[in-house]
C-alpha cells in the first residue's frame, strides 16, 4: 500500500469513528404521542374575527318632540307588549284638545243626524205633493253639508290624537327594555338633524337573536343558507348553541389592507331569551360530516401529506397519508395508518424528523380543545 493510500484510509477510519461517537452521543428527543381514533369528523368553517350577537328587531326610540317626562311606566329588563305606552311627556294641554275635539264632533254629528231626518221627512212629503221641490232641495243640501261637517270634526279628532301620540313612546313590537336614558321629571329633546344622541328607550325583540360574523373570502363559496352551525360565546364558556345560517352577504368587505371577508348571519335554533345584543361570539359552520372515521389530531398532520409514526424501537418514520374531511381539531385519514399506530403529536419539537430516536414523554388520550380564534 502506498503512503498516500495509507493516509486516505486513516482519514476514513477517523471520520467513521467521529460519526459513530457523535451519533451515539445524541440524546433521544422527547415527544408526545397519540393514537388514531374512530370518531365523527366534520369539515367546518369558522369566523376570522369575533362576531356579534344582535337582535332581528331593535328600536332605539326617542320622543318626536321635546318635553318633560311625566310618566315612565317601565324599567330596564321589563317585558312589554306591542302598542304598550312606555313613556309620556307632559301633555295635559294636548289631551284637553282631544277631549274638546271629541265633544265638538259629537255636537256637529248630532246636528247632522237631525238634518238627515229633516231631509228624509221633507222628501217623503214632496213625493205626496205636500212640499215644494225647493224646500226638498234645501233640506237635502243641509243634510249633506251637515254630514261633511261631522266627518270633518271626526278628522280633527284624529289630528289631535296624532299630536298626543307625539308626546308618547309606544312599543312597536313585543320585546324587552334594554336601556332607558332619562328619569321621571327630566326634560328630553329629539336629536338635532345630523347629530346622534342616545335614545330614550332601547327596545329589543328577544324572540329572534342572531349572530353576524366575518369569514375568510376563501371559505365563503362553501357557505350557503340552511347549513347547520354552532355558536359559542365568551360569556358562556364552552357551551355551544345550535344555529342555522340564514344569510351570506353577496359582497366582500375590505376592512384591512390584506383581509378580505364575507359577512354571514345565523339564527339560534332555540331562541334564548337571556341573550342580549352585544355579546362577542364565534360560529363554526358545518360544511360536511363523516361518521366512524379513522382520525388524528389536525396538529399532527404536516401539510395534509404525512405524519411521523413511532415504531417499536422508538424511531420516527415519515408516513404519507391520505386526508379526507378536516377541521382545526381533527382530520379524517383515508389511508396510510391504522388505529394501532402511534403518531407524534408534538411535531413542533426541535429535531423531529424521520430516522431520529425519541422518548415518549406523554401518551395523550384526547386533544385539548381551543376555540377557533385561539388557534389563529
Protein backbone atom coordinates (compact mmCIF):
# COMPACT_ATOMS: atom_id res chain seq x y z
CA UNK A 1 0.00 0.00 0.00
CA UNK A 2 1.40 3.37 -0.94
CA UNK A 3 1.92 6.15 1.56
CA UNK A 4 -0.97 8.25 0.12
CA UNK A 5 -3.39 5.34 0.27
CA UNK A 6 -2.47 4.74 3.91
CA UNK A 7 -3.15 8.41 4.73
CA UNK A 8 -6.58 8.32 2.99
CA UNK A 9 -7.50 5.07 4.76
CA UNK A 10 -6.54 6.60 8.10
CA UNK A 11 -8.69 9.66 7.46
CA UNK A 12 -11.67 7.49 6.58
CA UNK A 13 -11.27 5.45 9.78
CA UNK A 14 -11.07 8.64 11.85
CA UNK A 15 -14.21 10.04 10.18
CA UNK A 16 -16.09 6.82 10.84
CA UNK A 17 -15.09 6.91 14.48
CA UNK A 18 -16.12 10.60 14.80
CA UNK A 19 -19.50 9.97 13.17
CA UNK A 20 -20.10 6.92 15.34
CA UNK A 21 -19.29 8.77 18.54
CA UNK A 22 -21.23 11.90 17.59
CA UNK A 23 -24.30 9.87 16.61
CA UNK A 24 -24.18 7.76 19.68
CA UNK A 25 -23.80 10.81 21.90
CA UNK A 26 -27.11 12.49 20.85
CA UNK A 27 -29.91 12.24 23.38
CA UNK A 28 -33.29 10.99 22.11
CA UNK A 29 -35.88 13.71 21.51
CA UNK A 30 -38.77 13.90 23.94
CA UNK A 31 -42.17 13.89 22.21
CA UNK A 32 -45.85 13.48 22.99
CA UNK A 33 -47.66 10.64 21.25
CA UNK A 34 -51.27 9.87 20.44
CA UNK A 35 -53.15 7.02 18.77
CA UNK A 36 -55.70 7.43 15.95
CA UNK A 37 -59.37 7.15 16.94
CA UNK A 38 -62.68 6.35 15.29
CA UNK A 39 -64.88 9.42 15.56
CA UNK A 40 -67.22 11.75 13.72
CA UNK A 41 -65.23 14.29 11.72
CA UNK A 42 -66.68 17.48 10.34
CA UNK A 43 -65.47 19.84 7.70
CA UNK A 44 -66.07 23.26 9.21
CA UNK A 45 -65.58 26.95 8.56
CA UNK A 46 -65.11 29.47 11.38
CA UNK A 47 -65.11 33.24 11.63
CA UNK A 48 -61.85 35.13 11.22
CA UNK A 49 -62.65 37.79 13.81
CA UNK A 50 -65.10 37.88 16.71
CA UNK A 51 -68.73 38.01 15.68
CA UNK A 52 -71.50 39.93 17.43
CA UNK A 53 -74.86 38.87 18.82
CA UNK A 54 -77.68 41.11 17.60
CA UNK A 55 -81.49 41.19 17.53
CA UNK A 56 -83.62 40.75 14.41
CA UNK A 57 -85.69 43.74 15.55
CA UNK A 58 -84.43 46.58 17.72
CA UNK A 59 -85.97 50.01 18.23
CA UNK A 60 -83.91 52.84 19.69
CA UNK A 61 -86.69 55.32 20.34
CA UNK A 62 -86.90 58.95 21.39
CA UNK A 63 -89.95 61.23 21.56
CA UNK A 64 -90.76 63.13 18.39
CA UNK A 65 -90.84 66.38 20.36
CA UNK A 66 -89.16 67.84 23.41
CA UNK A 67 -90.76 67.91 26.81
CA UNK A 68 -90.70 66.87 30.44
CA UNK A 69 -91.09 63.16 31.26
CA UNK A 70 -94.42 62.96 33.11
CA UNK A 71 -94.93 59.19 33.08
CA UNK A 72 -92.40 56.35 32.86
CA UNK A 73 -94.25 53.05 33.26
CA UNK A 74 -91.38 50.64 32.54
CA UNK A 75 -87.88 49.91 33.80
CA UNK A 76 -84.86 48.19 32.28
CA UNK A 77 -85.42 44.45 31.89
CA UNK A 78 -89.23 44.69 31.68
CA UNK A 79 -91.08 42.63 29.06
CA UNK A 80 -93.56 44.77 27.13
CA UNK A 81 -96.30 44.16 24.58
CA UNK A 82 -96.88 45.78 21.22
CA UNK A 83 -98.74 49.16 21.46
CA UNK A 84 -97.96 49.46 25.19
CA UNK A 85 -97.24 53.05 26.28
CA UNK A 86 -93.71 53.18 27.65
CA UNK A 87 -93.25 56.87 28.33
CA UNK A 88 -95.30 60.10 28.21
CA UNK A 89 -94.19 63.69 28.17
CA UNK A 90 -96.25 66.37 29.86
CA UNK A 91 -99.31 66.53 27.58
CA UNK A 92 -102.30 67.76 29.60
CA UNK A 93 -102.96 70.56 27.11
CA UNK A 94 -102.92 68.14 24.15
CA UNK A 95 -105.23 65.72 25.99
CA UNK A 96 -107.62 68.63 26.65
CA UNK A 97 -107.64 69.46 22.92
CA UNK A 98 -108.53 65.82 22.17
CA UNK A 99 -111.47 66.00 24.60
CA UNK A 100 -112.60 69.32 23.11
CA UNK A 101 -112.39 67.91 19.58
CA UNK A 102 -114.43 64.83 20.57
CA UNK A 103 -117.18 66.96 22.18
CA UNK A 104 -117.25 69.36 19.26
CA UNK A 105 -117.56 66.44 16.83
CA UNK A 106 -120.34 64.94 18.95
CA UNK A 107 -122.32 68.19 18.74
CA UNK A 108 -121.80 68.57 14.98
CA UNK A 109 -122.77 64.95 14.31
CA UNK A 110 -125.96 65.28 16.39
CA UNK A 111 -127.00 68.25 14.23
CA UNK A 112 -126.08 66.19 11.17
CA UNK A 113 -128.40 63.38 12.25
CA UNK A 114 -131.25 65.88 12.73
CA UNK A 115 -130.62 67.39 9.30
CA UNK A 116 -130.77 63.93 7.73
CA UNK A 117 -134.08 63.16 9.45
CA UNK A 118 -135.50 66.52 8.27
CA UNK A 119 -134.37 65.84 4.70
CA UNK A 120 -135.96 62.37 4.71
CA UNK A 121 -139.25 63.77 6.07
CA UNK A 122 -139.48 66.63 3.53
CA UNK A 123 -138.55 64.26 0.71
CA UNK A 124 -141.43 61.98 1.72
CA UNK A 125 -143.82 64.96 1.85
CA UNK A 126 -142.61 66.04 -1.60
CA UNK A 127 -143.49 62.63 -3.04
CA UNK A 128 -147.03 63.07 -1.69
CA UNK A 129 -147.28 66.59 -3.13
CA UNK A 130 -147.32 68.22 0.29
CA UNK A 131 -143.92 70.03 -0.01
CA UNK A 132 -142.28 72.11 -2.70
CA UNK A 133 -139.27 70.98 -4.69
CA UNK A 134 -137.28 73.95 -3.43
CA UNK A 135 -137.84 73.03 0.21
CA UNK A 136 -136.85 69.44 -0.56
CA UNK A 137 -133.57 70.51 -2.26
CA UNK A 138 -132.77 72.88 0.60
CA UNK A 139 -133.28 70.10 3.19
CA UNK A 140 -131.16 67.61 1.23
CA UNK A 141 -128.35 70.18 0.80
CA UNK A 142 -128.40 70.98 4.51
CA UNK A 143 -128.19 67.26 5.33
CA UNK A 144 -125.22 66.70 3.01
CA UNK A 145 -123.44 69.75 4.41
CA UNK A 146 -124.00 68.59 7.98
CA UNK A 147 -122.61 65.11 7.12
CA UNK A 148 -119.47 66.75 5.72
CA UNK A 149 -119.17 68.85 8.89
CA UNK A 150 -119.50 65.71 11.02
CA UNK A 151 -116.77 63.94 9.05
CA UNK A 152 -114.50 66.99 9.30
CA UNK A 153 -115.00 67.11 13.07
CA UNK A 154 -114.09 63.41 13.36
CA UNK A 155 -110.97 64.00 11.27
CA UNK A 156 -109.99 66.80 13.65
CA UNK A 157 -110.13 64.25 16.48
CA UNK A 158 -107.60 62.11 14.57
CA UNK A 159 -105.35 65.17 14.12
CA UNK A 160 -105.33 66.00 17.83
CA UNK A 161 -104.81 62.34 18.79
CA UNK A 162 -101.81 62.22 16.43
CA UNK A 163 -100.40 65.26 18.22
CA UNK A 164 -100.97 63.46 21.51
CA UNK A 165 -99.07 60.38 20.27
CA UNK A 166 -96.08 62.59 19.51
CA UNK A 167 -95.71 63.04 23.26
CA UNK A 168 -95.58 59.27 23.87
CA UNK A 169 -93.27 56.35 23.21
CA UNK A 170 -95.33 53.31 22.17
CA UNK A 171 -93.83 49.82 21.75
CA UNK A 172 -93.85 48.86 18.05
CA UNK A 173 -93.48 45.15 18.92
CA UNK A 174 -93.26 42.73 21.86
CA UNK A 175 -89.84 42.83 23.46
CA UNK A 176 -87.61 43.63 26.43
CA UNK A 177 -86.47 47.04 27.63
CA UNK A 178 -82.69 47.02 27.31
CA UNK A 179 -81.91 50.58 28.36
CA UNK A 180 -83.65 53.77 29.45
CA UNK A 181 -81.95 57.15 29.14
CA UNK A 182 -83.95 59.56 31.31
CA UNK A 183 -85.75 59.82 34.62
CA UNK A 184 -89.19 60.95 35.70
CA UNK A 185 -89.31 64.76 35.63
CA UNK A 186 -86.31 65.16 33.33
CA UNK A 187 -86.54 67.17 30.11
CA UNK A 188 -85.78 65.33 26.88
CA UNK A 189 -85.26 66.69 23.39
CA UNK A 190 -85.21 64.97 19.99
CA UNK A 191 -81.88 64.60 18.20
CA UNK A 192 -80.95 67.59 16.03
CA UNK A 193 -80.51 66.84 12.35
CA UNK A 194 -77.11 65.23 11.78
CA UNK A 195 -76.32 64.91 15.49
CA UNK A 196 -76.64 61.45 17.05
CA UNK A 197 -77.79 61.32 20.67
CA UNK A 198 -78.58 58.37 22.93
CA UNK A 199 -82.12 57.02 22.52
CA UNK A 200 -84.53 57.47 25.41
CA UNK A 201 -85.69 53.84 25.29
CA UNK A 202 -83.92 50.88 23.68
CA UNK A 203 -86.38 48.07 22.91
CA UNK A 204 -85.21 44.64 21.75
CA UNK A 205 -87.22 41.77 20.28
CA UNK A 206 -85.55 38.97 22.23
CA UNK A 207 -87.54 36.22 20.48
CA UNK A 208 -85.20 36.47 17.49
CA UNK A 209 -81.48 36.71 18.27
CA UNK A 210 -78.77 36.06 15.69
CA UNK A 211 -75.03 36.28 15.13
CA UNK A 212 -73.28 38.22 12.40
CA UNK A 213 -69.63 37.35 11.82
CA UNK A 214 -66.93 37.67 9.14
CA UNK A 215 -65.49 34.61 7.41
CA UNK A 216 -62.50 34.49 5.09
CA UNK A 217 -63.21 35.04 1.39
CA UNK A 218 -61.55 31.68 0.65
CA UNK A 219 -64.13 29.84 2.76
CA UNK A 220 -67.16 31.84 1.61
CA UNK A 221 -68.04 29.80 -1.55
CA UNK A 222 -68.74 26.72 0.59
CA UNK A 223 -71.14 28.53 2.94
CA UNK A 224 -74.81 28.67 1.95
CA UNK A 225 -78.05 29.44 3.74
CA UNK A 226 -79.50 26.48 5.59
CA UNK A 227 -76.22 24.96 6.80
CA UNK A 228 -76.13 23.94 10.46
CA UNK A 229 -73.70 25.69 12.79
CA UNK A 230 -72.65 26.06 16.42
CA UNK A 231 -72.31 29.34 18.29
CA UNK A 232 -70.06 29.87 21.32
CA UNK A 233 -69.72 32.98 23.44
CA UNK A 234 -67.00 34.06 25.84
CA UNK A 235 -69.69 34.84 28.40
CA UNK A 236 -70.83 31.18 28.47
CA UNK A 237 -67.52 29.33 28.29
CA UNK A 238 -67.54 26.19 26.13
CA UNK A 239 -71.35 25.90 25.96
CA UNK A 240 -72.48 25.50 22.34
CA UNK A 241 -75.75 26.80 20.90
CA UNK A 242 -77.10 25.13 17.73
CA UNK A 243 -77.92 27.53 14.92
CA UNK A 244 -78.67 27.77 11.21
CA UNK A 245 -77.07 30.01 8.59
CA UNK A 246 -79.67 32.42 7.20
CA UNK A 247 -77.62 34.83 5.10
CA UNK A 248 -74.33 35.04 3.25
CA UNK A 249 -73.50 38.55 2.09
CA UNK A 250 -73.21 38.87 -1.72
CA UNK A 251 -70.16 41.11 -1.42
CA UNK A 252 -66.64 41.12 0.05
CA UNK A 253 -65.66 43.50 2.83
CA UNK A 254 -62.31 45.27 2.58
CA UNK A 255 -61.76 46.16 6.22
CA UNK A 256 -58.00 45.77 6.35
CA UNK A 257 -55.21 46.03 3.82
CA UNK A 258 -54.80 42.29 3.37
CA UNK A 259 -58.02 40.94 4.92
CA UNK A 260 -60.97 40.13 2.68
CA UNK A 261 -64.02 38.77 4.46
CA UNK A 262 -67.66 37.96 3.79
CA UNK A 263 -70.26 38.59 6.47
CA UNK A 264 -72.62 35.76 7.39
CA UNK A 265 -75.65 35.64 9.67
CA UNK A 266 -77.13 32.72 11.61
CA UNK A 267 -80.12 32.45 13.95
CA UNK A 268 -80.33 30.35 17.10
CA UNK A 269 -82.33 27.16 16.57
CA UNK A 270 -83.71 27.55 20.11
CA UNK A 271 -84.48 31.22 20.95
CA UNK A 272 -82.52 32.30 24.01
CA UNK A 273 -84.42 34.93 26.00
CA UNK A 274 -81.46 35.56 28.30
CA UNK A 275 -79.21 36.74 25.46
CA UNK A 276 -78.89 40.41 24.68
CA UNK A 277 -77.21 42.09 21.70
CA UNK A 278 -73.58 42.99 22.15
CA UNK A 279 -72.09 39.66 23.25
CA UNK A 280 -68.96 38.67 21.34
CA UNK A 281 -69.38 35.27 19.72
CA UNK A 282 -67.80 32.70 17.41
CA UNK A 283 -69.53 30.47 14.90
CA UNK A 284 -68.48 27.11 13.50
CA UNK A 285 -70.34 26.27 10.28
CA UNK A 286 -70.63 22.57 9.41
CA UNK A 287 -69.94 22.08 5.69
CA UNK A 288 -69.86 18.24 5.66
CA UNK A 289 -69.80 15.34 8.14
CA UNK A 290 -68.48 11.76 8.12
CA UNK A 291 -69.18 9.28 10.94
CA UNK A 292 -66.96 6.47 12.28
CA UNK A 293 -63.90 7.84 10.53
CA UNK A 294 -60.31 6.98 11.39
CA UNK A 295 -58.97 10.31 12.59
CA UNK A 296 -55.93 12.03 14.04
CA UNK A 297 -55.45 15.49 15.52
CA UNK A 298 -55.01 18.02 12.74
CA UNK A 299 -51.98 19.49 14.52
CA UNK A 300 -50.14 16.18 13.96
CA UNK A 301 -50.61 16.30 10.17
CA UNK A 302 -47.92 18.10 8.20
CA UNK A 303 -49.15 19.92 5.08
CA UNK A 304 -52.05 17.44 4.74
CA UNK A 305 -49.47 14.90 3.49
CA UNK A 306 -47.77 12.93 6.23
CA UNK A 307 -47.38 12.16 9.91
CA UNK A 308 -44.50 10.83 11.98
CA UNK A 309 -45.01 7.28 13.24
CA UNK A 310 -43.19 5.93 16.28
CA UNK A 311 -42.05 2.38 15.53
CA UNK A 312 -41.25 -0.36 18.03
CA UNK A 313 -37.66 0.76 18.64
CA UNK A 314 -38.82 4.39 19.20
CA UNK A 315 -37.52 5.60 15.85
CA UNK A 316 -39.58 8.12 13.86
CA UNK A 317 -40.86 7.09 10.44
CA UNK A 318 -42.24 9.65 7.99
CA UNK A 319 -45.53 8.15 6.80
CA UNK A 320 -47.53 9.56 3.90
CA UNK A 321 -51.31 9.61 4.45
CA UNK A 322 -54.45 10.49 2.51
CA UNK A 323 -56.58 13.09 4.27
CA UNK A 324 -60.37 13.32 3.88
CA UNK A 325 -62.53 15.80 5.79
CA UNK A 326 -60.63 18.08 8.11
CA UNK A 327 -61.16 20.88 10.59
CA UNK A 328 -58.96 22.80 13.03
CA UNK A 329 -59.19 19.95 15.56
CA UNK A 330 -59.37 16.58 13.75
CA UNK A 331 -58.63 15.19 10.29
CA UNK A 332 -60.06 12.08 8.67
CA UNK A 333 -57.36 9.66 7.44
CA UNK A 334 -58.40 7.60 4.41
CA UNK A 335 -55.20 5.56 4.13
CA UNK A 336 -51.61 5.30 5.36
CA UNK A 337 -52.03 4.41 9.05
CA UNK A 338 -54.04 2.07 11.28
CA UNK A 339 -55.80 2.53 14.58
CA UNK A 340 -52.94 0.72 16.39
CA UNK A 341 -50.23 3.11 15.24
CA UNK A 342 -48.65 5.73 17.46
CA UNK A 343 -48.00 9.13 15.95
CA UNK A 344 -46.11 12.19 17.12
CA UNK A 345 -48.37 14.97 18.37
CA UNK A 346 -45.65 17.46 19.30
CA UNK A 347 -44.31 17.96 15.77
CA UNK A 348 -43.04 21.41 16.70
CA UNK A 349 -40.26 19.95 18.87
CA UNK A 350 -36.81 20.75 17.55
CA UNK A 351 -35.17 17.86 15.71
CA UNK A 352 -38.37 15.92 14.93
CA UNK A 353 -37.77 14.19 11.61
CA UNK A 354 -37.65 10.74 10.11
CA UNK A 355 -35.00 8.36 11.48
CA UNK A 356 -34.35 10.05 14.84
CA UNK A 357 -34.69 8.32 18.18
CA UNK A 358 -37.39 9.58 20.55
CA UNK A 359 -38.61 9.12 24.10
CA UNK A 360 -42.37 9.30 24.56
CA UNK A 361 -42.79 11.88 27.27
CA UNK A 362 -46.59 11.60 27.45
CA UNK A 363 -49.30 9.48 25.84
CA UNK A 364 -52.13 11.91 25.04
CA UNK A 365 -55.63 10.49 25.39
CA UNK A 366 -57.51 13.41 23.90
CA UNK A 367 -56.51 16.68 22.26
CA UNK A 368 -57.09 19.81 24.30
CA UNK A 369 -59.79 21.84 22.54
CA UNK A 370 -59.49 25.51 21.77
CA UNK A 371 -61.88 27.96 20.16
CA UNK A 372 -61.43 28.96 16.50
CA UNK A 373 -59.92 32.34 17.42
CA UNK A 374 -57.46 30.75 19.86
CA UNK A 375 -55.62 28.86 17.14
CA UNK A 376 -55.34 31.71 14.70
